Amino acid sequence: MIENLIKLLLYYKSLGERTFDSLSDDELHLIPGDGSNSIPIIVKHLWGNMLSRWTNFLTEDGEKDWRDREGEFELTIKTREEMMEKWEEGWATFTNALKELKETDLNRTVYIRNEGHTVIDAIHRQLAHYSYHIGQIVYLAKMIKGEDWASLSIPKGGTDQYNQEKFTTEKSKKHFTDEV
């Protein structure tokens, strides 16, 4: 279970990274409108959440008193390099915490803002949260690139060809992210 979750999370991480790679530095920092966030702001929020949730995951509340959630939505990241440092630090904190878990830990109780969750529920909560924000990142890039956007999955109009390729190979048992 843990290995499967890590693969899935790293798949979403790769979607974010492929999206970053598709954008120029100016495009990366675009804020589409009032009340919206740029991609670096979303990354900063993910970073803050990951550090808070996954530092001392099994022994401390996931909402640390040192976290500045409101500050995560301030535009302070100026460069792609700075954004990527936060991205990598957050993901490393998260994946390292998961790699330390044992299957017997999955039913233990952890707390986020004093709300008890089983470890597996807390992981699923964060999986949903992170994929939600990565979806925002991808959608922002798609809006920015317009017709120049290159799909990260099956492109519109490409389902038949994709399925044809899939069904011409032998059945196999593997994780869908193994091909990505």
C-alpha atoms as a PDB file:
ATOM      1  CA  MET A   1       0.000   0.000   0.000  1.00  0.00           C
ATOM      2  CA  ILE A   2       2.692   2.498   0.979  1.00  0.00           C
ATOM      3  CA  GLU A   3       4.781   1.803  -2.131  1.00  0.00           C
ATOM      4  CA  ASN A   4       1.681   2.240  -4.304  1.00  0.00           C
ATOM      5  CA  LEU A   5       0.846   5.576  -2.642  1.00  0.00           C
ATOM      6  CA  ILE A   6       4.393   6.840  -3.112  1.00  0.00           C
ATOM      7  CA  LYS A   7       4.261   5.941  -6.822  1.00  0.00           C
ATOM      8  CA  LEU A   8       0.969   7.770  -7.191  1.00  0.00           C
ATOM      9  CA  LEU A   9       2.237  10.854  -5.381  1.00  0.00           C
ATOM     10  CA  LEU A  10       5.409  10.923  -7.449  1.00  0.00           C
ATOM     11  CA  TYR A  11       3.252  10.714 -10.566  1.00  0.00           C
ATOM     12  CA  TYR A  12       1.459  13.912  -9.525  1.00  0.00           C
ATOM     13  CA  LYS A  13       4.821  15.480  -8.702  1.00  0.00           C
ATOM     14  CA  SER A  14       5.971  14.644 -12.245  1.00  0.00           C
ATOM     15  CA  LEU A  15       2.855  16.291 -13.721  1.00  0.00           C
ATOM     16  CA  GLY A  16       3.786  19.481 -11.908  1.00  0.00           C
ATOM     17  CA  GLU A  17       7.364  19.298 -13.106  1.00  0.00           C
ATOM     18  CA  ARG A  18       6.379  18.627 -16.709  1.00  0.00           C
ATOM     19  CA  THR A  19       4.100  21.635 -16.468  1.00  0.00           C
ATOM     20  CA  PHE A  20       6.875  23.864 -15.106  1.00  0.00           C
ATOM     21  CA  ASP A  21       9.114  22.745 -17.961  1.00  0.00           C
ATOM     22  CA  SER A  22       6.510  23.836 -20.508  1.00  0.00           C
ATOM     23  CA  LEU A  23       6.513  27.451 -19.304  1.00  0.00           C
ATOM     24  CA  SER A  24       8.897  30.370 -19.645  1.00  0.00           C
ATOM     25  CA  ASP A  25       9.903  32.199 -16.463  1.00  0.00           C
ATOM     26  CA  ASP A  26       7.453  35.015 -17.262  1.00  0.00           C
ATOM     27  CA  GLU A  27       4.636  32.553 -17.918  1.00  0.00           C
ATOM     28  CA  LEU A  28       5.405  30.750 -14.684  1.00  0.00           C
ATOM     29  CA  HIS A  29       4.789  33.928 -12.667  1.00  0.00           C
ATOM     30  CA  LEU A  30       1.606  35.018 -14.429  1.00  0.00           C
ATOM     31  CA  ILE A  31      -1.363  35.735 -12.150  1.00  0.00           C
ATOM     32  CA  PRO A  32      -4.524  35.321 -14.247  1.00  0.00           C
ATOM     33  CA  GLY A  33      -6.736  37.674 -12.246  1.00  0.00           C
ATOM     34  CA  ASP A  34      -7.677  39.176  -8.895  1.00  0.00           C
ATOM     35  CA  GLY A  35      -7.939  36.552  -6.208  1.00  0.00           C
ATOM     36  CA  SER A  36      -5.893  34.080  -8.253  1.00  0.00           C
ATOM     37  CA  ASN A  37      -2.470  32.678  -7.561  1.00  0.00           C
ATOM     38  CA  SER A  38       0.584  32.261  -9.725  1.00  0.00           C
ATOM     39  CA  ILE A  39       2.180  28.850 -10.008  1.00  0.00           C
ATOM     40  CA  PRO A  40       5.017  29.815  -7.600  1.00  0.00           C
ATOM     41  CA  ILE A  41       2.425  30.850  -5.004  1.00  0.00           C
ATOM     42  CA  ILE A  42       0.691  27.486  -5.309  1.00  0.00           C
ATOM     43  CA  VAL A  43       4.071  25.758  -4.993  1.00  0.00           C
ATOM     44  CA  LYS A  44       4.845  27.820  -1.890  1.00  0.00           C
ATOM     45  CA  HIS A  45       1.531  26.737  -0.361  1.00  0.00           C
ATOM     46  CA  LEU A  46       2.230  23.074  -1.148  1.00  0.00           C
ATOM     47  CA  TRP A  47       5.701  23.443   0.376  1.00  0.00           C
ATOM     48  CA  GLY A  48       4.342  24.958   3.578  1.00  0.00           C
ATOM     49  CA  ASN A  49       1.665  22.307   3.861  1.00  0.00           C
ATOM     50  CA  MET A  50       4.096  19.451   3.228  1.00  0.00           C
ATOM     51  CA  LEU A  51       6.620  20.674   5.769  1.00  0.00           C
ATOM     52  CA  SER A  52       3.916  21.186   8.383  1.00  0.00           C
ATOM     53  CA  ARG A  53       2.063  17.946   7.811  1.00  0.00           C
ATOM     54  CA  TRP A  54       5.017  15.599   7.381  1.00  0.00           C
ATOM     55  CA  THR A  55       7.598  16.876   9.863  1.00  0.00           C
ATOM     56  CA  ASN A  56       7.349  14.538  12.880  1.00  0.00           C
ATOM     57  CA  PHE A  57       4.226  13.136  11.252  1.00  0.00           C
ATOM     58  CA  LEU A  58       3.504  10.379  13.759  1.00  0.00           C
ATOM     59  CA  THR A  59       4.243  12.370  16.914  1.00  0.00           C
ATOM     60  CA  GLU A  60       3.083  15.976  16.381  1.00  0.00           C
ATOM     61  CA  ASP A  61      -0.050  17.678  15.080  1.00  0.00           C
ATOM     62  CA  GLY A  62       0.169  18.256  11.323  1.00  0.00           C
ATOM     63  CA  GLU A  63      -0.565  21.969  11.697  1.00  0.00           C
ATOM     64  CA  LYS A  64       2.654  23.272  13.228  1.00  0.00           C
ATOM     65  CA  ASP A  65       2.731  26.530  15.179  1.00  0.00           C
ATOM     66  CA  TRP A  66       5.672  27.687  13.035  1.00  0.00           C
ATOM     67  CA  ARG A  67       3.692  27.391   9.796  1.00  0.00           C
ATOM     68  CA  ASP A  68       2.710  30.714   8.189  1.00  0.00           C
ATOM     69  CA  ARG A  69      -0.161  29.559   5.991  1.00  0.00           C
ATOM     70  CA  GLU A  70      -1.309  33.094   5.164  1.00  0.00           C
ATOM     71  CA  GLY A  71       2.249  34.004   4.157  1.00  0.00           C
ATOM     72  CA  GLU A  72       2.264  31.104   1.714  1.00  0.00           C
ATOM     73  CA  PHE A  73      -0.084  33.130  -0.485  1.00  0.00           C
ATOM     74  CA  GLU A  74       2.194  36.163  -0.678  1.00  0.00           C
ATOM     75  CA  LEU A  75       4.262  36.570  -3.815  1.00  0.00           C
ATOM     76  CA  THR A  76       7.814  36.166  -2.527  1.00  0.00           C
ATOM     77  CA  ILE A  77       9.281  33.554  -4.861  1.00  0.00           C
ATOM     78  CA  LYS A  78      11.134  35.476  -7.540  1.00  0.00           C
ATOM     79  CA  THR A  79      12.915  32.788  -9.547  1.00  0.00           C
ATOM     80  CA  ARG A  80      12.291  29.341 -10.984  1.00  0.00           C
ATOM     81  CA  GLU A  81      15.262  28.076  -8.977  1.00  0.00           C
ATOM     82  CA  GLU A  82      13.786  29.303  -5.697  1.00  0.00           C
ATOM     83  CA  MET A  83      10.432  27.759  -6.580  1.00  0.00           C
ATOM     84  CA  MET A  84      12.075  24.428  -7.414  1.00  0.00           C
ATOM     85  CA  GLU A  85      14.034  24.437  -4.137  1.00  0.00           C
ATOM     86  CA  LYS A  86      10.764  24.721  -2.192  1.00  0.00           C
ATOM     87  CA  TRP A  87       9.106  22.145  -4.444  1.00  0.00           C
ATOM     88  CA  GLU A  88      11.884  19.605  -3.872  1.00  0.00           C
ATOM     89  CA  GLU A  89      12.119  20.289  -0.122  1.00  0.00           C
ATOM     90  CA  GLY A  90       8.384  19.800   0.336  1.00  0.00           C
ATOM     91  CA  TRP A  91       8.243  16.594  -1.690  1.00  0.00           C
ATOM     92  CA  ALA A  92      11.353  15.198   0.025  1.00  0.00           C
ATOM     93  CA  THR A  93       9.823  15.853   3.451  1.00  0.00           C
ATOM     94  CA  PHE A  94       6.626  14.121   2.368  1.00  0.00           C
ATOM     95  CA  THR A  95       8.116  11.103   0.628  1.00  0.00           C
ATOM     96  CA  ASN A  96      10.738  10.550   3.342  1.00  0.00           C
ATOM     97  CA  ALA A  97       7.983  10.456   5.973  1.00  0.00           C
ATOM     98  CA  LEU A  98       6.071   7.917   3.896  1.00  0.00           C
ATOM     99  CA  LYS A  99       9.155   5.755   3.322  1.00  0.00           C
ATOM    100  CA  GLU A 100       9.679   5.516   7.084  1.00  0.00           C
ATOM    101  CA  LEU A 101       6.184   4.115   7.636  1.00  0.00           C
ATOM    102  CA  LYS A 102       5.467   0.455   8.142  1.00  0.00           C
ATOM    103  CA  GLU A 103       2.222  -1.220   7.137  1.00  0.00           C
ATOM    104  CA  THR A 104       1.430  -1.555  10.861  1.00  0.00           C
ATOM    105  CA  ASP A 105       1.466   2.267  11.150  1.00  0.00           C
ATOM    106  CA  LEU A 106      -1.450   2.733   8.738  1.00  0.00           C
ATOM    107  CA  ASN A 107      -4.134   2.407  11.428  1.00  0.00           C
ATOM    108  CA  ARG A 108      -2.371   4.599  13.987  1.00  0.00           C
ATOM    109  CA  THR A 109      -4.007   7.926  14.811  1.00  0.00           C
ATOM    110  CA  VAL A 110      -2.399  11.215  13.815  1.00  0.00           C
ATOM    111  CA  TYR A 111      -3.807  14.705  14.242  1.00  0.00           C
ATOM    112  CA  ILE A 112      -4.309  17.647  11.919  1.00  0.00           C
ATOM    113  CA  ARG A 113      -5.618  20.696  13.772  1.00  0.00           C
ATOM    114  CA  ASN A 114      -6.594  18.394  16.660  1.00  0.00           C
ATOM    115  CA  GLU A 115      -8.732  16.198  14.375  1.00  0.00           C
ATOM    116  CA  GLY A 116      -7.783  12.538  14.597  1.00  0.00           C
ATOM    117  CA  HIS A 117      -7.151  10.618  11.389  1.00  0.00           C
ATOM    118  CA  THR A 118      -5.791   7.182  10.761  1.00  0.00           C
ATOM    119  CA  VAL A 119      -2.435   7.429   9.019  1.00  0.00           C
ATOM    120  CA  ILE A 120      -3.999   6.054   5.832  1.00  0.00           C
ATOM    121  CA  ASP A 121      -6.783   8.666   5.997  1.00  0.00           C
ATOM    122  CA  ALA A 122      -4.228  11.443   6.531  1.00  0.00           C
ATOM    123  CA  ILE A 123      -2.240  10.247   3.512  1.00  0.00           C
ATOM    124  CA  HIS A 124      -5.373  10.138   1.364  1.00  0.00           C
ATOM    125  CA  ARG A 125      -6.340  13.621   2.591  1.00  0.00           C
ATOM    126  CA  GLN A 126      -3.005  14.988   1.458  1.00  0.00           C
ATOM    127  CA  LEU A 127      -3.048  13.039  -1.808  1.00  0.00           C
ATOM    128  CA  ALA A 128      -6.357  14.708  -2.644  1.00  0.00           C
ATOM    129  CA  HIS A 129      -5.092  18.133  -1.530  1.00  0.00           C
ATOM    130  CA  TYR A 130      -1.861  17.937  -3.507  1.00  0.00           C
ATOM    131  CA  SER A 131      -3.472  16.585  -6.674  1.00  0.00           C
ATOM    132  CA  TYR A 132      -6.086  19.368  -6.429  1.00  0.00           C
ATOM    133  CA  HIS A 133      -3.370  22.020  -6.438  1.00  0.00           C
ATOM    134  CA  ILE A 134      -1.328  20.295  -9.131  1.00  0.00           C
ATOM    135  CA  GLY A 135      -4.506  20.287 -11.223  1.00  0.00           C
ATOM    136  CA  GLN A 136      -4.654  24.056 -10.702  1.00  0.00           C
ATOM    137  CA  ILE A 137      -1.045  24.363 -11.842  1.00  0.00           C
ATOM    138  CA  VAL A 138      -1.728  22.305 -14.971  1.00  0.00           C
ATOM    139  CA  TYR A 139      -4.886  24.258 -15.747  1.00  0.00           C
ATOM    140  CA  LEU A 140      -3.084  27.600 -15.345  1.00  0.00           C
ATOM    141  CA  ALA A 141      -0.395  26.429 -17.750  1.00  0.00           C
ATOM    142  CA  LYS A 142      -3.003  25.199 -20.207  1.00  0.00           C
ATOM    143  CA  MET A 143      -4.696  28.619 -20.127  1.00  0.00           C
ATOM    144  CA  ILE A 144      -1.361  30.388 -20.546  1.00  0.00           C
ATOM    145  CA  LYS A 145      -0.143  28.200 -23.429  1.00  0.00           C
ATOM    146  CA  GLY A 146      -3.467  28.031 -25.274  1.00  0.00           C
ATOM    147  CA  GLU A 147      -3.060  26.234 -28.596  1.00  0.00           C
ATOM    148  CA  ASP A 148       0.603  25.592 -27.778  1.00  0.00           C
ATOM    149  CA  TRP A 149      -0.294  23.396 -24.794  1.00  0.00           C
ATOM    150  CA  ALA A 150       0.976  19.826 -25.047  1.00  0.00           C
ATOM    151  CA  SER A 151      -1.302  17.452 -23.142  1.00  0.00           C
ATOM    152  CA  LEU A 152       0.202  15.574 -20.206  1.00  0.00           C
ATOM    153  CA  SER A 153      -2.159  12.665 -20.739  1.00  0.00           C
ATOM    154  CA  ILE A 154      -4.350  11.448 -23.588  1.00  0.00           C
ATOM    155  CA  PRO A 155      -4.875  14.512 -25.804  1.00  0.00           C
ATOM    156  CA  LYS A 156      -8.354  15.523 -26.841  1.00  0.00           C
ATOM    157  CA  GLY A 157      -9.252  13.486 -29.911  1.00  0.00           C
ATOM    158  CA  GLY A 158      -6.546  10.911 -29.162  1.00  0.00           C
ATOM    159  CA  THR A 159      -8.529   8.339 -27.189  1.00  0.00           C
ATOM    160  CA  ASP A 160      -9.072   5.874 -30.035  1.00  0.00           C
ATOM    161  CA  GLN A 161      -5.393   5.821 -30.993  1.00  0.00           C
ATOM    162  CA  TYR A 162      -4.318   5.531 -27.358  1.00  0.00           C
ATOM    163  CA  ASN A 163      -6.711   2.645 -26.691  1.00  0.00           C
ATOM    164  CA  GLN A 164      -5.684   0.909 -29.911  1.00  0.00           C
ATOM    165  CA  GLU A 165      -2.041   1.023 -28.801  1.00  0.00           C
ATOM    166  CA  LYS A 166      -2.935  -0.262 -25.331  1.00  0.00           C
ATOM    167  CA  PHE A 167      -5.020  -3.153 -26.599  1.00  0.00           C
ATOM    168  CA  THR A 168      -2.320  -4.340 -29.026  1.00  0.00           C
ATOM    169  CA  THR A 169      -0.012  -5.190 -26.118  1.00  0.00           C
ATOM    170  CA  GLU A 170      -0.228  -8.241 -23.900  1.00  0.00           C
ATOM    171  CA  LYS A 171      -2.023  -7.955 -20.576  1.00  0.00           C
ATOM    172  CA  SER A 172       0.316  -7.217 -17.721  1.00  0.00           C
ATOM    173  CA  LYS A 173       0.136  -6.336 -14.052  1.00  0.00           C
ATOM    174  CA  LYS A 174       1.981  -3.141 -13.186  1.00  0.00           C
ATOM    175  CA  HIS A 175       1.376   0.305 -11.792  1.00  0.00           C
ATOM    176  CA  PHE A 176       0.053   2.721 -14.410  1.00  0.00           C
ATOM    177  CA  THR A 177       2.801   5.206 -13.520  1.00  0.00           C
ATOM    178  CA  ASP A 178       5.533   2.769 -14.560  1.00  0.00           C
ATOM    179  CA  GLU A 179       5.164   4.004 -18.158  1.00  0.00           C
ATOM    180  CA  VAL A 180       5.374   7.685 -17.298  1.00  0.00           C
END
